Amino acid sequence: MIFPYIDNEPIVPLEIQTENREWIEFHAYIDSGAGYSVFHSDHAELLGLKLENGRRVYFTVGDGSQIPAYVHKVSVKFAGKKFEAQIAFSSSLGVGTNLLGLVSFFDEFSFCFHHFKKYVEIKQR
């Protein structure tokens, strides 16, 4: 599947199922340097998740400091596939977009960036 960049960046849409079994669309920056996908904590609230009920982890960010996050297993629709993904939520994420990381997503898909043409090609495993 071909995904045009959003705002000239490798940002792609995905849907996450709420506790009420509804689907909400989010956008995330594809970050092969991120071990986990990390979303802003207010998105956990939108999904009906209690942030602190997730598995607490700490991520080291660019300046060397660590931020707390809570990993939840959620149902996701992405690139034509529905599956269970581990996504961390943090109130300390210091960037303006969610991050799509290795665990769950790079386990299920291959990503080919065509940066000069501003799109990413995503294939299921």
N, C-alpha and C. Protein backbone atom coordinates (compact mmCIF):
# COMPACT_ATOMS: atom_id res chain seq x y z
N MET A 1 0.84 -1.18 0.00
CA MET A 1 0.00 0.00 0.00
C MET A 1 0.89 1.24 0.00
N ILE A 2 0.45 2.23 -0.74
CA ILE A 2 1.18 3.50 -0.83
C ILE A 2 0.50 4.52 0.08
N PHE A 3 1.30 5.18 0.90
CA PHE A 3 0.80 6.23 1.78
C PHE A 3 1.55 7.53 1.49
N PRO A 4 0.86 8.51 0.92
CA PRO A 4 1.52 9.81 0.73
C PRO A 4 1.87 10.41 2.09
N TYR A 5 2.98 11.11 2.14
CA TYR A 5 3.37 11.80 3.36
C TYR A 5 2.29 12.82 3.74
N ILE A 6 2.18 13.08 5.01
CA ILE A 6 1.31 14.13 5.53
C ILE A 6 2.22 15.26 6.00
N ASP A 7 1.97 16.46 5.56
CA ASP A 7 2.80 17.63 5.90
C ASP A 7 4.27 17.39 5.55
N ASN A 8 4.50 16.72 4.41
CA ASN A 8 5.86 16.43 3.91
C ASN A 8 6.69 15.57 4.85
N GLU A 9 6.04 14.81 5.70
CA GLU A 9 6.72 13.93 6.65
C GLU A 9 6.12 12.52 6.54
N PRO A 10 6.89 11.48 6.93
CA PRO A 10 6.36 10.11 6.89
C PRO A 10 5.37 9.87 8.04
N ILE A 11 4.25 10.55 7.93
CA ILE A 11 3.17 10.43 8.91
C ILE A 11 2.03 9.68 8.23
N VAL A 12 1.52 8.66 8.90
CA VAL A 12 0.50 7.80 8.31
C VAL A 12 -0.71 7.67 9.25
N PRO A 13 -1.87 7.35 8.66
CA PRO A 13 -3.06 7.15 9.49
C PRO A 13 -3.15 5.71 10.00
N LEU A 14 -3.78 5.55 11.14
CA LEU A 14 -4.13 4.24 11.66
C LEU A 14 -5.34 4.42 12.54
N GLU A 15 -6.08 3.34 12.76
CA GLU A 15 -7.25 3.39 13.62
C GLU A 15 -7.00 2.50 14.83
N ILE A 16 -7.49 2.97 15.99
CA ILE A 16 -7.39 2.19 17.22
C ILE A 16 -8.79 2.05 17.79
N GLN A 17 -9.10 0.84 18.26
CA GLN A 17 -10.43 0.56 18.80
C GLN A 17 -10.53 1.03 20.25
N THR A 18 -11.63 1.70 20.56
CA THR A 18 -11.88 2.18 21.91
C THR A 18 -12.39 1.04 22.79
N GLU A 19 -12.46 1.30 24.07
CA GLU A 19 -13.05 0.34 25.00
C GLU A 19 -14.52 0.07 24.66
N ASN A 20 -15.18 1.01 23.97
CA ASN A 20 -16.58 0.85 23.55
C ASN A 20 -16.70 0.23 22.16
N ARG A 21 -15.57 -0.28 21.63
CA ARG A 21 -15.51 -0.98 20.35
C ARG A 21 -15.73 -0.07 19.14
N GLU A 22 -15.56 1.23 19.33
CA GLU A 22 -15.59 2.18 18.22
C GLU A 22 -14.15 2.36 17.74
N TRP A 23 -13.99 2.86 16.51
CA TRP A 23 -12.67 3.08 15.95
C TRP A 23 -12.40 4.57 15.83
N ILE A 24 -11.21 4.98 16.25
CA ILE A 24 -10.79 6.38 16.14
C ILE A 24 -9.52 6.43 15.30
N GLU A 25 -9.49 7.37 14.35
CA GLU A 25 -8.29 7.52 13.51
C GLU A 25 -7.30 8.47 14.17
N PHE A 26 -6.04 8.05 14.13
CA PHE A 26 -4.92 8.86 14.61
C PHE A 26 -3.88 8.92 13.50
N HIS A 27 -2.91 9.78 13.67
CA HIS A 27 -1.77 9.86 12.77
C HIS A 27 -0.50 9.65 13.59
N ALA A 28 0.50 9.03 12.95
CA ALA A 28 1.76 8.78 13.64
C ALA A 28 2.92 8.88 12.66
N TYR A 29 4.02 9.40 13.16
CA TYR A 29 5.26 9.53 12.41
C TYR A 29 5.98 8.18 12.44
N ILE A 30 6.33 7.64 11.29
CA ILE A 30 7.03 6.35 11.24
C ILE A 30 8.46 6.58 11.70
N ASP A 31 8.83 5.95 12.82
CA ASP A 31 10.13 6.19 13.44
C ASP A 31 10.84 4.86 13.68
N SER A 32 11.70 4.47 12.73
CA SER A 32 12.40 3.19 12.86
C SER A 32 13.41 3.20 14.00
N GLY A 33 13.69 4.36 14.57
CA GLY A 33 14.59 4.44 15.71
C GLY A 33 13.89 4.32 17.05
N ALA A 34 12.57 4.24 17.02
CA ALA A 34 11.79 4.10 18.26
C ALA A 34 11.49 2.63 18.51
N GLY A 35 11.83 2.15 19.67
CA GLY A 35 11.56 0.75 19.99
C GLY A 35 10.07 0.46 20.05
N TYR A 36 9.33 1.36 20.65
CA TYR A 36 7.88 1.21 20.79
C TYR A 36 7.18 2.39 20.12
N SER A 37 5.94 2.17 19.76
CA SER A 37 5.09 3.28 19.34
C SER A 37 4.72 4.03 20.61
N VAL A 38 4.79 5.36 20.54
CA VAL A 38 4.47 6.19 21.70
C VAL A 38 3.47 7.25 21.26
N PHE A 39 2.33 7.28 21.94
CA PHE A 39 1.27 8.24 21.64
C PHE A 39 1.10 9.15 22.85
N HIS A 40 0.55 10.32 22.60
CA HIS A 40 0.28 11.26 23.68
C HIS A 40 -0.76 10.67 24.64
N SER A 41 -0.61 10.95 25.91
CA SER A 41 -1.47 10.35 26.94
C SER A 41 -2.94 10.72 26.79
N ASP A 42 -3.23 11.89 26.22
CA ASP A 42 -4.65 12.25 26.06
C ASP A 42 -5.36 11.33 25.08
N HIS A 43 -4.59 10.66 24.21
CA HIS A 43 -5.20 9.68 23.30
C HIS A 43 -5.66 8.44 24.07
N ALA A 44 -4.95 8.08 25.12
CA ALA A 44 -5.38 6.95 25.96
C ALA A 44 -6.75 7.25 26.54
N GLU A 45 -6.93 8.47 26.99
CA GLU A 45 -8.22 8.88 27.56
C GLU A 45 -9.32 8.80 26.50
N LEU A 46 -9.04 9.26 25.28
CA LEU A 46 -10.03 9.18 24.20
C LEU A 46 -10.44 7.73 23.93
N LEU A 47 -9.49 6.81 24.09
CA LEU A 47 -9.75 5.41 23.83
C LEU A 47 -10.44 4.71 25.00
N GLY A 48 -10.59 5.40 26.12
CA GLY A 48 -11.22 4.82 27.29
C GLY A 48 -10.26 3.99 28.14
N LEU A 49 -8.96 4.20 27.94
CA LEU A 49 -7.95 3.47 28.70
C LEU A 49 -7.57 4.25 29.94
N LYS A 50 -7.34 3.56 31.04
CA LYS A 50 -6.79 4.20 32.23
C LYS A 50 -5.27 4.12 32.09
N LEU A 51 -4.65 5.27 31.93
CA LEU A 51 -3.23 5.35 31.60
C LEU A 51 -2.38 4.47 32.49
N GLU A 52 -2.54 4.60 33.80
CA GLU A 52 -1.67 3.90 34.75
C GLU A 52 -1.92 2.39 34.82
N ASN A 53 -2.97 1.90 34.16
CA ASN A 53 -3.21 0.45 34.14
C ASN A 53 -2.29 -0.27 33.16
N GLY A 54 -1.59 0.48 32.33
CA GLY A 54 -0.63 -0.12 31.41
C GLY A 54 0.66 -0.48 32.12
N ARG A 55 1.51 -1.22 31.43
CA ARG A 55 2.82 -1.60 31.98
C ARG A 55 3.73 -0.38 31.92
N ARG A 56 4.24 0.03 33.07
CA ARG A 56 5.07 1.23 33.14
C ARG A 56 6.48 0.93 32.61
N VAL A 57 6.94 1.79 31.71
CA VAL A 57 8.28 1.68 31.13
C VAL A 57 8.88 3.09 31.10
N TYR A 58 10.17 3.14 30.85
CA TYR A 58 10.86 4.42 30.69
C TYR A 58 11.60 4.40 29.36
N PHE A 59 11.47 5.48 28.61
CA PHE A 59 12.16 5.61 27.33
C PHE A 59 13.19 6.71 27.42
N THR A 60 14.36 6.46 26.86
CA THR A 60 15.39 7.49 26.78
C THR A 60 15.14 8.30 25.53
N VAL A 61 15.10 9.62 25.68
CA VAL A 61 14.83 10.53 24.55
C VAL A 61 16.13 11.20 24.11
N GLY A 62 16.03 12.02 23.08
CA GLY A 62 17.19 12.60 22.42
C GLY A 62 18.19 13.32 23.32
N ASP A 63 17.74 13.96 24.37
CA ASP A 63 18.67 14.68 25.25
C ASP A 63 19.25 13.80 26.35
N GLY A 64 18.92 12.49 26.31
CA GLY A 64 19.45 11.55 27.29
C GLY A 64 18.57 11.35 28.52
N SER A 65 17.56 12.19 28.68
CA SER A 65 16.67 12.02 29.82
C SER A 65 15.68 10.88 29.54
N GLN A 66 14.99 10.46 30.58
CA GLN A 66 14.01 9.39 30.44
C GLN A 66 12.62 9.92 30.71
N ILE A 67 11.65 9.39 29.95
CA ILE A 67 10.26 9.76 30.16
C ILE A 67 9.47 8.50 30.51
N PRO A 68 8.50 8.62 31.42
CA PRO A 68 7.66 7.47 31.75
C PRO A 68 6.57 7.29 30.69
N ALA A 69 6.20 6.06 30.47
CA ALA A 69 5.11 5.74 29.54
C ALA A 69 4.43 4.47 30.03
N TYR A 70 3.24 4.23 29.54
CA TYR A 70 2.45 3.07 29.94
C TYR A 70 2.03 2.31 28.70
N VAL A 71 2.45 1.05 28.60
CA VAL A 71 2.18 0.23 27.43
C VAL A 71 0.85 -0.48 27.59
N HIS A 72 0.01 -0.35 26.56
CA HIS A 72 -1.29 -1.02 26.51
C HIS A 72 -1.37 -1.84 25.23
N LYS A 73 -2.08 -2.95 25.30
CA LYS A 73 -2.35 -3.75 24.10
C LYS A 73 -3.70 -3.30 23.57
N VAL A 74 -3.73 -2.87 22.31
CA VAL A 74 -4.95 -2.34 21.70
C VAL A 74 -5.17 -2.97 20.33
N SER A 75 -6.41 -2.97 19.87
CA SER A 75 -6.73 -3.42 18.52
C SER A 75 -6.51 -2.27 17.56
N VAL A 76 -5.80 -2.57 16.48
CA VAL A 76 -5.41 -1.56 15.51
C VAL A 76 -5.80 -2.00 14.10
N LYS A 77 -6.17 -1.04 13.28
CA LYS A 77 -6.32 -1.25 11.83
C LYS A 77 -5.26 -0.38 11.16
N PHE A 78 -4.38 -1.04 10.41
CA PHE A 78 -3.29 -0.32 9.75
C PHE A 78 -2.89 -1.02 8.47
N ALA A 79 -2.77 -0.27 7.41
CA ALA A 79 -2.30 -0.77 6.11
C ALA A 79 -3.06 -2.03 5.68
N GLY A 80 -4.38 -2.01 5.87
CA GLY A 80 -5.22 -3.11 5.43
C GLY A 80 -5.26 -4.31 6.34
N LYS A 81 -4.71 -4.21 7.53
CA LYS A 81 -4.68 -5.35 8.46
C LYS A 81 -5.18 -4.92 9.83
N LYS A 82 -5.93 -5.80 10.46
CA LYS A 82 -6.39 -5.59 11.84
C LYS A 82 -5.58 -6.53 12.72
N PHE A 83 -5.01 -6.02 13.81
CA PHE A 83 -4.18 -6.83 14.70
C PHE A 83 -4.07 -6.17 16.06
N GLU A 84 -3.52 -6.92 17.02
CA GLU A 84 -3.26 -6.40 18.36
C GLU A 84 -1.87 -5.79 18.38
N ALA A 85 -1.77 -4.57 18.89
CA ALA A 85 -0.49 -3.88 18.94
C ALA A 85 -0.22 -3.39 20.36
N GLN A 86 1.06 -3.33 20.69
CA GLN A 86 1.48 -2.73 21.95
C GLN A 86 1.82 -1.27 21.65
N ILE A 87 1.11 -0.36 22.31
CA ILE A 87 1.35 1.07 22.14
C ILE A 87 1.53 1.68 23.52
N ALA A 88 2.58 2.48 23.66
CA ALA A 88 2.83 3.19 24.91
C ALA A 88 2.19 4.57 24.83
N PHE A 89 1.73 5.04 25.96
CA PHE A 89 1.14 6.38 26.06
C PHE A 89 1.91 7.14 27.12
N SER A 90 2.25 8.40 26.81
CA SER A 90 3.03 9.20 27.75
C SER A 90 2.57 10.65 27.76
N SER A 91 2.54 11.23 28.95
CA SER A 91 2.24 12.65 29.07
C SER A 91 3.50 13.49 28.88
N SER A 92 4.65 12.83 28.74
CA SER A 92 5.92 13.54 28.60
C SER A 92 6.50 13.48 27.19
N LEU A 93 5.72 13.00 26.22
CA LEU A 93 6.20 12.94 24.85
C LEU A 93 6.42 14.36 24.35
N GLY A 94 7.67 14.69 24.05
CA GLY A 94 8.02 16.07 23.75
C GLY A 94 7.97 16.46 22.29
N VAL A 95 7.30 15.68 21.46
CA VAL A 95 7.16 16.03 20.05
C VAL A 95 5.69 16.22 19.74
N GLY A 96 5.42 16.88 18.63
CA GLY A 96 4.04 17.24 18.30
C GLY A 96 3.22 16.15 17.66
N THR A 97 3.80 14.99 17.43
CA THR A 97 3.06 13.90 16.79
C THR A 97 3.32 12.59 17.52
N ASN A 98 2.42 11.64 17.32
CA ASN A 98 2.63 10.29 17.84
C ASN A 98 3.75 9.63 17.04
N LEU A 99 4.37 8.61 17.63
CA LEU A 99 5.46 7.89 16.97
C LEU A 99 5.07 6.44 16.74
N LEU A 100 5.32 5.94 15.54
CA LEU A 100 5.07 4.55 15.18
C LEU A 100 6.41 3.83 15.22
N GLY A 101 6.60 2.95 16.21
CA GLY A 101 7.89 2.32 16.42
C GLY A 101 7.94 0.85 16.03
N LEU A 102 9.07 0.23 16.38
CA LEU A 102 9.38 -1.13 15.93
C LEU A 102 8.41 -2.20 16.44
N VAL A 103 8.21 -2.27 17.76
CA VAL A 103 7.38 -3.35 18.33
C VAL A 103 5.97 -3.27 17.75
N SER A 104 5.47 -4.38 17.32
CA SER A 104 4.14 -4.58 16.73
C SER A 104 4.07 -4.16 15.27
N PHE A 105 4.54 -2.97 14.93
CA PHE A 105 4.37 -2.49 13.55
C PHE A 105 5.46 -3.00 12.62
N PHE A 106 6.72 -2.87 13.01
CA PHE A 106 7.79 -3.38 12.16
C PHE A 106 7.87 -4.90 12.24
N ASP A 107 7.17 -5.50 13.21
CA ASP A 107 7.03 -6.96 13.28
C ASP A 107 6.06 -7.46 12.22
N GLU A 108 5.10 -6.63 11.84
CA GLU A 108 4.03 -7.03 10.93
C GLU A 108 4.18 -6.50 9.50
N PHE A 109 5.00 -5.46 9.30
CA PHE A 109 5.08 -4.79 8.01
C PHE A 109 6.52 -4.45 7.65
N SER A 110 6.74 -4.30 6.34
CA SER A 110 8.00 -3.70 5.88
C SER A 110 7.67 -2.32 5.34
N PHE A 111 8.60 -1.40 5.53
CA PHE A 111 8.41 -0.01 5.16
C PHE A 111 9.50 0.38 4.17
N CYS A 112 9.09 0.92 3.03
CA CYS A 112 10.05 1.42 2.04
C CYS A 112 9.76 2.90 1.81
N PHE A 113 10.71 3.73 2.24
CA PHE A 113 10.53 5.17 2.13
C PHE A 113 11.00 5.65 0.76
N HIS A 114 10.17 6.43 0.12
CA HIS A 114 10.50 7.11 -1.13
C HIS A 114 10.48 8.60 -0.80
N HIS A 115 11.46 8.99 -0.01
CA HIS A 115 11.45 10.34 0.58
C HIS A 115 11.45 11.43 -0.49
N PHE A 116 12.18 11.20 -1.57
CA PHE A 116 12.24 12.20 -2.64
C PHE A 116 10.91 12.39 -3.33
N LYS A 117 10.03 11.38 -3.25
CA LYS A 117 8.69 11.48 -3.85
C LYS A 117 7.61 11.69 -2.79
N LYS A 118 8.02 11.73 -1.53
CA LYS A 118 7.13 12.01 -0.40
C LYS A 118 6.02 10.97 -0.22
N TYR A 119 6.42 9.69 -0.26
CA TYR A 119 5.48 8.63 0.10
C TYR A 119 6.24 7.45 0.68
N VAL A 120 5.49 6.61 1.40
CA VAL A 120 6.06 5.38 1.96
C VAL A 120 5.22 4.21 1.45
N GLU A 121 5.90 3.14 1.08
CA GLU A 121 5.23 1.91 0.64
C GLU A 121 5.29 0.93 1.80
N ILE A 122 4.12 0.42 2.18
CA ILE A 122 4.03 -0.48 3.33
C ILE A 122 3.45 -1.81 2.86
N LYS A 123 4.16 -2.89 3.19
CA LYS A 123 3.73 -4.23 2.81
C LYS A 123 3.57 -5.09 4.05
N GLN A 124 2.51 -5.92 4.04
CA GLN A 124 2.31 -6.87 5.14
C GLN A 124 3.35 -7.97 5.06
N ARG A 125 3.68 -8.48 6.21
CA ARG A 125 4.67 -9.57 6.33
C ARG A 125 4.21 -10.77 5.57
